[in-house]
Amino acid sequence: MSARELAGDFDLEFDRLSGGHVEELSKLATLTGCDLGELILSTPSSAQKGTLRIGTELIATKFSRRRHLSVCLECWAEDI
């Protein structure tokens, strides 16, 4: 099962969820019991054109050839 399918099973819009939209993150926080503030902070989102925000870090995307972000979940969990 993909993350997109799992989100759909819980009536979450995957693209909005993965895009950091607060409304979808709020639904996820309610479903999982997670703190919404922490969830917002740890979800990648567009900060401005060519820049991605992950937590308090800004990452320039203009040099990346990848269209999708991949992270080690264990490493990410250590950072939050």
C-alpha atoms as a PDB file:
ATOM      1  CA  MET A   1       0.000   0.000   0.000  1.00  0.00           C
ATOM      2  CA  SER A   2       1.347   3.412  -0.939  1.00  0.00           C
ATOM      3  CA  ALA A   3       1.213   6.527   1.228  1.00  0.00           C
ATOM      4  CA  ARG A   4      -1.231   8.003  -1.299  1.00  0.00           C
ATOM      5  CA  GLU A   5      -3.572   4.998  -0.923  1.00  0.00           C
ATOM      6  CA  LEU A   6      -3.309   5.083   2.871  1.00  0.00           C
ATOM      7  CA  ALA A   7      -4.158   8.787   2.957  1.00  0.00           C
ATOM      8  CA  GLY A   8      -7.143   8.148   0.697  1.00  0.00           C
ATOM      9  CA  ASP A   9      -8.395   5.405   3.013  1.00  0.00           C
ATOM     10  CA  PHE A  10      -8.593   8.023   5.776  1.00  0.00           C
ATOM     11  CA  ASP A  11     -10.170  10.664   3.535  1.00  0.00           C
ATOM     12  CA  LEU A  12      -6.986  12.758   3.405  1.00  0.00           C
ATOM     13  CA  GLU A  13      -5.833  14.457   0.215  1.00  0.00           C
ATOM     14  CA  PHE A  14      -2.288  13.185  -0.256  1.00  0.00           C
ATOM     15  CA  ASP A  15      -1.058  16.060  -2.437  1.00  0.00           C
ATOM     16  CA  ARG A  16      -2.286  18.644   0.054  1.00  0.00           C
ATOM     17  CA  LEU A  17      -0.941  16.614   2.961  1.00  0.00           C
ATOM     18  CA  SER A  18       2.500  16.215   1.429  1.00  0.00           C
ATOM     19  CA  GLY A  19       2.427  19.887   0.405  1.00  0.00           C
ATOM     20  CA  GLY A  20       2.121  20.982   4.027  1.00  0.00           C
ATOM     21  CA  HIS A  21      -1.430  22.364   3.861  1.00  0.00           C
ATOM     22  CA  VAL A  22      -2.494  23.061   7.434  1.00  0.00           C
ATOM     23  CA  GLU A  23      -6.083  21.865   6.920  1.00  0.00           C
ATOM     24  CA  GLU A  24      -4.920  18.378   5.888  1.00  0.00           C
ATOM     25  CA  LEU A  25      -2.223  18.278   8.563  1.00  0.00           C
ATOM     26  CA  SER A  26      -4.881  19.167  11.135  1.00  0.00           C
ATOM     27  CA  LYS A  27      -6.975  16.196  10.009  1.00  0.00           C
ATOM     28  CA  LEU A  28      -3.906  13.937  10.282  1.00  0.00           C
ATOM     29  CA  ALA A  29      -3.078  15.291  13.749  1.00  0.00           C
ATOM     30  CA  THR A  30      -6.627  14.555  14.884  1.00  0.00           C
ATOM     31  CA  LEU A  31      -6.491  11.012  13.483  1.00  0.00           C
ATOM     32  CA  THR A  32      -3.100  10.189  14.986  1.00  0.00           C
ATOM     33  CA  GLY A  33      -3.052  12.208  18.191  1.00  0.00           C
ATOM     34  CA  CYS A  34       0.079  14.059  17.040  1.00  0.00           C
ATOM     35  CA  ASP A  35       0.764  17.630  18.059  1.00  0.00           C
ATOM     36  CA  LEU A  36      -0.281  19.824  15.106  1.00  0.00           C
ATOM     37  CA  GLY A  37       2.554  22.309  15.667  1.00  0.00           C
ATOM     38  CA  GLU A  38       5.202  19.586  15.561  1.00  0.00           C
ATOM     39  CA  LEU A  39       3.562  18.026  12.530  1.00  0.00           C
ATOM     40  CA  ILE A  40       3.556  21.348  10.677  1.00  0.00           C
ATOM     41  CA  LEU A  41       7.187  21.985  11.599  1.00  0.00           C
ATOM     42  CA  SER A  42       8.360  18.576  10.385  1.00  0.00           C
ATOM     43  CA  THR A  43       6.391  18.529   7.122  1.00  0.00           C
ATOM     44  CA  PRO A  44       8.242  19.745   4.007  1.00  0.00           C
ATOM     45  CA  SER A  45       6.584  22.779   2.433  1.00  0.00           C
ATOM     46  CA  SER A  46       7.321  25.397  -0.194  1.00  0.00           C
ATOM     47  CA  ALA A  47       8.766  28.491   1.431  1.00  0.00           C
ATOM     48  CA  GLN A  48       9.161  30.528  -1.758  1.00  0.00           C
ATOM     49  CA  LYS A  49       9.908  29.779  -5.387  1.00  0.00           C
ATOM     50  CA  GLY A  50      12.886  27.415  -5.528  1.00  0.00           C
ATOM     51  CA  THR A  51      13.040  26.887  -1.766  1.00  0.00           C
ATOM     52  CA  LEU A  52      11.764  24.026   0.385  1.00  0.00           C
ATOM     53  CA  ARG A  53      11.293  24.350   4.149  1.00  0.00           C
ATOM     54  CA  ILE A  54      11.814  21.337   6.391  1.00  0.00           C
ATOM     55  CA  GLY A  55      11.522  22.292  10.029  1.00  0.00           C
ATOM     56  CA  THR A  56      13.588  25.438  10.436  1.00  0.00           C
ATOM     57  CA  GLU A  57      15.854  24.634   7.478  1.00  0.00           C
ATOM     58  CA  LEU A  58      15.525  26.205   4.042  1.00  0.00           C
ATOM     59  CA  ILE A  59      16.771  24.108   1.127  1.00  0.00           C
ATOM     60  CA  ALA A  60      17.333  25.540  -2.354  1.00  0.00           C
ATOM     61  CA  THR A  61      15.841  23.228  -4.965  1.00  0.00           C
ATOM     62  CA  LYS A  62      17.197  24.844  -8.117  1.00  0.00           C
ATOM     63  CA  PHE A  63      20.245  22.563  -8.193  1.00  0.00           C
ATOM     64  CA  SER A  64      18.297  19.355  -7.583  1.00  0.00           C
ATOM     65  CA  ARG A  65      17.231  17.192 -10.499  1.00  0.00           C
ATOM     66  CA  ARG A  66      14.837  15.194  -8.327  1.00  0.00           C
ATOM     67  CA  ARG A  67      11.168  16.079  -8.373  1.00  0.00           C
ATOM     68  CA  HIS A  68      10.345  14.178  -5.162  1.00  0.00           C
ATOM     69  CA  LEU A  69      11.879  14.381  -1.730  1.00  0.00           C
ATOM     70  CA  SER A  70      13.161  11.184  -0.143  1.00  0.00           C
ATOM     71  CA  VAL A  71      14.365  11.031   3.438  1.00  0.00           C
ATOM     72  CA  CYS A  72      15.465   8.384   5.896  1.00  0.00           C
ATOM     73  CA  LEU A  73      12.541   8.289   8.347  1.00  0.00           C
ATOM     74  CA  GLU A  74      14.750   7.107  11.184  1.00  0.00           C
ATOM     75  CA  CYS A  75      17.144  10.043  10.662  1.00  0.00           C
ATOM     76  CA  TRP A  76      14.218  12.441  10.386  1.00  0.00           C
ATOM     77  CA  ALA A  77      12.719  11.119  13.631  1.00  0.00           C
ATOM     78  CA  GLU A  78      16.039  11.759  15.392  1.00  0.00           C
ATOM     79  CA  ASP A  79      15.968  15.379  14.227  1.00  0.00           C
ATOM     80  CA  ILE A  80      12.457  16.161  15.480  1.00  0.00           C
END
